[in-house]
Amino acid sequence: MAKGLWLVTTTVTNPAFAEYVEAFQPWVESVGGSVYAKDMEAETVEGKGGKLGVIIEFPSKQAAIDAFNSSEYQELSKLRWANSTDTNITIIDGGVTH
């Protein structure tokens, strides 16, 4: 089964974003996810995106969707919204399907 991935870009606007990161790490591990890559100076070359780019891996696309929709993450995301802008989260299948 292919992994599921969150592709995330955001612009951190407040040092309190660190509170979100601190709470996010144990939460994502508790739902079977892990941070696959992170870049504080990501380059968006087309479209709109922030300077922070993150790829988060989950056991499957459905697990990635369920994690995002969970009440725990929706509550946690309030910290992200309060301390960042221009956030994009895209959930994709980690396999090649063409």
N, C-alpha and C. Protein backbone atom coordinates (compact mmCIF):
# COMPACT_ATOMS: atom_id res chain seq x y z
N MET A 1 0.84 -1.18 0.00
CA MET A 1 0.00 0.00 0.00
C MET A 1 0.89 1.24 0.00
N ALA A 2 0.52 2.23 -0.80
CA ALA A 2 1.28 3.47 -0.88
C ALA A 2 1.08 4.30 0.39
N LYS A 3 2.11 5.02 0.72
CA LYS A 3 2.03 5.95 1.85
C LYS A 3 1.12 7.11 1.48
N GLY A 4 0.68 7.85 2.47
CA GLY A 4 -0.03 9.10 2.26
C GLY A 4 0.87 10.23 2.72
N LEU A 5 0.81 11.34 2.05
CA LEU A 5 1.68 12.47 2.37
C LEU A 5 0.89 13.76 2.51
N TRP A 6 1.29 14.56 3.50
CA TRP A 6 0.85 15.95 3.57
C TRP A 6 1.98 16.76 2.96
N LEU A 7 1.68 17.60 2.00
CA LEU A 7 2.63 18.57 1.49
C LEU A 7 2.21 19.92 2.06
N VAL A 8 3.06 20.52 2.86
CA VAL A 8 2.68 21.72 3.61
C VAL A 8 3.65 22.85 3.29
N THR A 9 3.10 24.04 3.01
CA THR A 9 3.90 25.25 2.98
C THR A 9 3.19 26.28 3.84
N THR A 10 3.97 27.10 4.51
CA THR A 10 3.40 28.14 5.36
C THR A 10 4.46 29.22 5.61
N THR A 11 4.02 30.37 6.02
CA THR A 11 4.91 31.45 6.43
C THR A 11 4.72 31.66 7.92
N VAL A 12 5.78 31.44 8.67
CA VAL A 12 5.74 31.64 10.12
C VAL A 12 5.77 33.13 10.40
N THR A 13 4.81 33.61 11.19
CA THR A 13 4.69 35.04 11.47
C THR A 13 4.97 35.40 12.93
N ASN A 14 5.14 34.39 13.76
CA ASN A 14 5.28 34.64 15.19
C ASN A 14 6.14 33.54 15.80
N PRO A 15 7.09 33.89 16.68
CA PRO A 15 7.90 32.86 17.33
C PRO A 15 7.08 31.84 18.11
N ALA A 16 5.85 32.18 18.48
CA ALA A 16 4.99 31.24 19.20
C ALA A 16 4.61 30.04 18.33
N PHE A 17 4.94 30.07 17.03
CA PHE A 17 4.74 28.92 16.16
C PHE A 17 5.46 27.70 16.73
N ALA A 18 6.51 27.94 17.49
CA ALA A 18 7.27 26.85 18.12
C ALA A 18 6.38 26.01 19.03
N GLU A 19 5.36 26.61 19.63
CA GLU A 19 4.42 25.85 20.47
C GLU A 19 3.67 24.83 19.62
N TYR A 20 3.29 25.21 18.41
CA TYR A 20 2.62 24.30 17.49
C TYR A 20 3.55 23.14 17.14
N VAL A 21 4.78 23.46 16.77
CA VAL A 21 5.76 22.43 16.40
C VAL A 21 5.98 21.46 17.56
N GLU A 22 6.11 22.00 18.76
CA GLU A 22 6.34 21.17 19.95
C GLU A 22 5.17 20.22 20.21
N ALA A 23 3.96 20.67 20.00
CA ALA A 23 2.78 19.82 20.21
C ALA A 23 2.53 18.90 19.02
N PHE A 24 2.92 19.35 17.82
CA PHE A 24 2.66 18.57 16.61
C PHE A 24 3.45 17.27 16.59
N GLN A 25 4.71 17.33 16.97
CA GLN A 25 5.58 16.15 16.86
C GLN A 25 5.02 14.92 17.60
N PRO A 26 4.68 15.02 18.87
CA PRO A 26 4.13 13.83 19.53
C PRO A 26 2.75 13.43 18.98
N TRP A 27 1.96 14.43 18.57
CA TRP A 27 0.65 14.09 17.99
C TRP A 27 0.82 13.29 16.71
N VAL A 28 1.66 13.76 15.79
CA VAL A 28 1.79 13.08 14.50
C VAL A 28 2.32 11.66 14.70
N GLU A 29 3.24 11.47 15.63
CA GLU A 29 3.74 10.12 15.93
C GLU A 29 2.63 9.24 16.49
N SER A 30 1.73 9.82 17.28
CA SER A 30 0.65 9.04 17.89
C SER A 30 -0.35 8.53 16.86
N VAL A 31 -0.42 9.16 15.68
CA VAL A 31 -1.34 8.72 14.64
C VAL A 31 -0.60 8.00 13.52
N GLY A 32 0.65 7.60 13.78
CA GLY A 32 1.41 6.81 12.82
C GLY A 32 2.14 7.60 11.75
N GLY A 33 2.21 8.91 11.92
CA GLY A 33 2.90 9.76 10.95
C GLY A 33 4.31 10.11 11.38
N SER A 34 5.06 10.66 10.43
CA SER A 34 6.40 11.15 10.73
C SER A 34 6.77 12.26 9.76
N VAL A 35 7.60 13.16 10.23
CA VAL A 35 8.08 14.24 9.37
C VAL A 35 9.15 13.66 8.47
N TYR A 36 8.92 13.72 7.17
CA TYR A 36 9.82 13.15 6.16
C TYR A 36 10.87 14.17 5.74
N ALA A 37 10.48 15.43 5.60
CA ALA A 37 11.40 16.49 5.19
C ALA A 37 10.89 17.82 5.71
N LYS A 38 11.83 18.73 6.01
CA LYS A 38 11.46 20.08 6.48
C LYS A 38 12.52 21.06 6.01
N ASP A 39 12.08 22.20 5.48
CA ASP A 39 12.99 23.23 5.00
C ASP A 39 12.45 24.58 5.43
N MET A 40 13.22 25.31 6.21
CA MET A 40 12.81 26.63 6.70
C MET A 40 12.99 27.72 5.63
N GLU A 41 13.65 27.39 4.53
CA GLU A 41 13.88 28.36 3.44
C GLU A 41 13.42 27.75 2.11
N ALA A 42 12.23 27.17 2.09
CA ALA A 42 11.70 26.56 0.87
C ALA A 42 11.51 27.63 -0.20
N GLU A 43 11.69 27.24 -1.43
CA GLU A 43 11.52 28.14 -2.58
C GLU A 43 10.28 27.73 -3.36
N THR A 44 9.24 28.52 -3.28
CA THR A 44 8.05 28.29 -4.11
C THR A 44 8.34 28.91 -5.46
N VAL A 45 8.41 28.10 -6.49
CA VAL A 45 8.78 28.60 -7.81
C VAL A 45 7.56 28.84 -8.71
N GLU A 46 6.40 28.36 -8.28
CA GLU A 46 5.17 28.64 -9.00
C GLU A 46 4.03 28.60 -8.00
N GLY A 47 3.13 29.55 -8.09
CA GLY A 47 2.02 29.60 -7.15
C GLY A 47 2.39 30.33 -5.88
N LYS A 48 1.56 30.17 -4.87
CA LYS A 48 1.77 30.83 -3.59
C LYS A 48 2.15 29.80 -2.55
N GLY A 49 3.11 30.12 -1.75
CA GLY A 49 3.54 29.22 -0.68
C GLY A 49 4.42 29.97 0.29
N GLY A 50 4.63 29.40 1.44
CA GLY A 50 5.43 30.05 2.45
C GLY A 50 6.87 29.56 2.43
N LYS A 51 7.67 30.12 3.31
CA LYS A 51 9.08 29.77 3.42
C LYS A 51 9.33 28.45 4.14
N LEU A 52 8.37 28.00 4.94
CA LEU A 52 8.50 26.71 5.61
C LEU A 52 7.81 25.66 4.76
N GLY A 53 8.57 24.66 4.35
CA GLY A 53 8.02 23.54 3.59
C GLY A 53 8.22 22.26 4.37
N VAL A 54 7.17 21.45 4.48
CA VAL A 54 7.24 20.21 5.25
C VAL A 54 6.51 19.11 4.48
N ILE A 55 7.09 17.91 4.50
CA ILE A 55 6.42 16.72 3.99
C ILE A 55 6.25 15.78 5.16
N ILE A 56 5.01 15.36 5.40
CA ILE A 56 4.70 14.47 6.51
C ILE A 56 4.15 13.18 5.92
N GLU A 57 4.71 12.06 6.35
CA GLU A 57 4.36 10.75 5.81
C GLU A 57 3.44 10.01 6.77
N PHE A 58 2.42 9.36 6.20
CA PHE A 58 1.48 8.54 6.96
C PHE A 58 1.42 7.16 6.33
N PRO A 59 0.90 6.17 7.04
CA PRO A 59 0.84 4.81 6.51
C PRO A 59 0.05 4.68 5.20
N SER A 60 -0.93 5.56 4.98
CA SER A 60 -1.75 5.51 3.76
C SER A 60 -2.36 6.90 3.53
N LYS A 61 -2.90 7.10 2.34
CA LYS A 61 -3.58 8.36 2.06
C LYS A 61 -4.78 8.53 2.99
N GLN A 62 -5.53 7.45 3.22
CA GLN A 62 -6.69 7.55 4.11
C GLN A 62 -6.26 7.92 5.53
N ALA A 63 -5.14 7.36 5.99
CA ALA A 63 -4.62 7.72 7.32
C ALA A 63 -4.26 9.20 7.37
N ALA A 64 -3.72 9.74 6.28
CA ALA A 64 -3.37 11.16 6.22
C ALA A 64 -4.62 12.03 6.26
N ILE A 65 -5.65 11.61 5.55
CA ILE A 65 -6.92 12.35 5.56
C ILE A 65 -7.57 12.29 6.94
N ASP A 66 -7.59 11.09 7.52
CA ASP A 66 -8.19 10.93 8.86
C ASP A 66 -7.45 11.76 9.89
N ALA A 67 -6.12 11.79 9.79
CA ALA A 67 -5.33 12.58 10.74
C ALA A 67 -5.69 14.05 10.64
N PHE A 68 -5.76 14.56 9.41
CA PHE A 68 -6.10 15.97 9.22
C PHE A 68 -7.48 16.28 9.77
N ASN A 69 -8.45 15.41 9.52
CA ASN A 69 -9.83 15.65 9.94
C ASN A 69 -10.10 15.36 11.41
N SER A 70 -9.13 14.80 12.11
CA SER A 70 -9.34 14.44 13.51
C SER A 70 -9.58 15.69 14.36
N SER A 71 -10.38 15.52 15.39
CA SER A 71 -10.65 16.64 16.30
C SER A 71 -9.37 17.11 16.98
N GLU A 72 -8.46 16.17 17.24
CA GLU A 72 -7.19 16.54 17.89
C GLU A 72 -6.39 17.48 16.99
N TYR A 73 -6.29 17.14 15.70
CA TYR A 73 -5.52 18.02 14.82
C TYR A 73 -6.24 19.34 14.58
N GLN A 74 -7.54 19.31 14.45
CA GLN A 74 -8.27 20.56 14.23
C GLN A 74 -8.07 21.51 15.41
N GLU A 75 -8.00 20.98 16.60
CA GLU A 75 -7.71 21.81 17.77
C GLU A 75 -6.26 22.31 17.73
N LEU A 76 -5.33 21.42 17.43
CA LEU A 76 -3.92 21.78 17.34
C LEU A 76 -3.67 22.81 16.25
N SER A 77 -4.40 22.73 15.15
CA SER A 77 -4.18 23.65 14.03
C SER A 77 -4.49 25.10 14.40
N LYS A 78 -5.24 25.32 15.44
CA LYS A 78 -5.52 26.69 15.88
C LYS A 78 -4.23 27.41 16.24
N LEU A 79 -3.25 26.68 16.81
CA LEU A 79 -1.94 27.28 17.10
C LEU A 79 -1.22 27.67 15.81
N ARG A 80 -1.33 26.82 14.80
CA ARG A 80 -0.71 27.12 13.51
C ARG A 80 -1.35 28.35 12.89
N TRP A 81 -2.67 28.37 12.84
CA TRP A 81 -3.38 29.50 12.25
C TRP A 81 -3.04 30.82 12.96
N ALA A 82 -2.86 30.78 14.26
CA ALA A 82 -2.58 32.00 15.02
C ALA A 82 -1.17 32.53 14.80
N ASN A 83 -0.29 31.68 14.28
CA ASN A 83 1.13 32.06 14.21
C ASN A 83 1.75 31.89 12.83
N SER A 84 0.90 31.79 11.79
CA SER A 84 1.41 31.65 10.43
C SER A 84 0.36 32.14 9.44
N THR A 85 0.82 32.35 8.19
CA THR A 85 -0.09 32.75 7.12
C THR A 85 0.28 31.97 5.86
N ASP A 86 -0.54 32.12 4.85
CA ASP A 86 -0.26 31.52 3.54
C ASP A 86 -0.09 30.01 3.61
N THR A 87 -0.82 29.35 4.49
CA THR A 87 -0.66 27.91 4.65
C THR A 87 -1.40 27.16 3.55
N ASN A 88 -0.71 26.19 2.97
CA ASN A 88 -1.30 25.25 2.02
C ASN A 88 -0.99 23.85 2.53
N ILE A 89 -2.01 23.01 2.60
CA ILE A 89 -1.82 21.60 2.94
C ILE A 89 -2.50 20.79 1.85
N THR A 90 -1.72 19.96 1.18
CA THR A 90 -2.25 19.09 0.15
C THR A 90 -1.97 17.65 0.56
N ILE A 91 -2.96 16.79 0.49
CA ILE A 91 -2.79 15.39 0.84
C ILE A 91 -2.74 14.59 -0.46
N ILE A 92 -1.67 13.80 -0.60
CA ILE A 92 -1.51 13.01 -1.82
C ILE A 92 -1.16 11.57 -1.50
N ASP A 93 -1.39 10.72 -2.48
CA ASP A 93 -0.98 9.33 -2.44
C ASP A 93 0.52 9.31 -2.70
N GLY A 94 1.27 8.61 -1.87
CA GLY A 94 2.72 8.57 -2.00
C GLY A 94 3.23 7.67 -3.11
N GLY A 95 2.36 6.97 -3.80
CA GLY A 95 2.76 6.10 -4.89
C GLY A 95 2.60 6.77 -6.23
N VAL A 96 3.21 6.21 -7.24
CA VAL A 96 3.04 6.70 -8.60
C VAL A 96 1.89 5.93 -9.22
N THR A 97 0.86 6.65 -9.64
CA THR A 97 -0.35 5.98 -10.11
C THR A 97 -0.60 6.15 -11.60
N HIS A 98 0.37 6.60 -12.36
CA HIS A 98 0.16 6.73 -13.81
C HIS A 98 1.09 5.85 -14.59
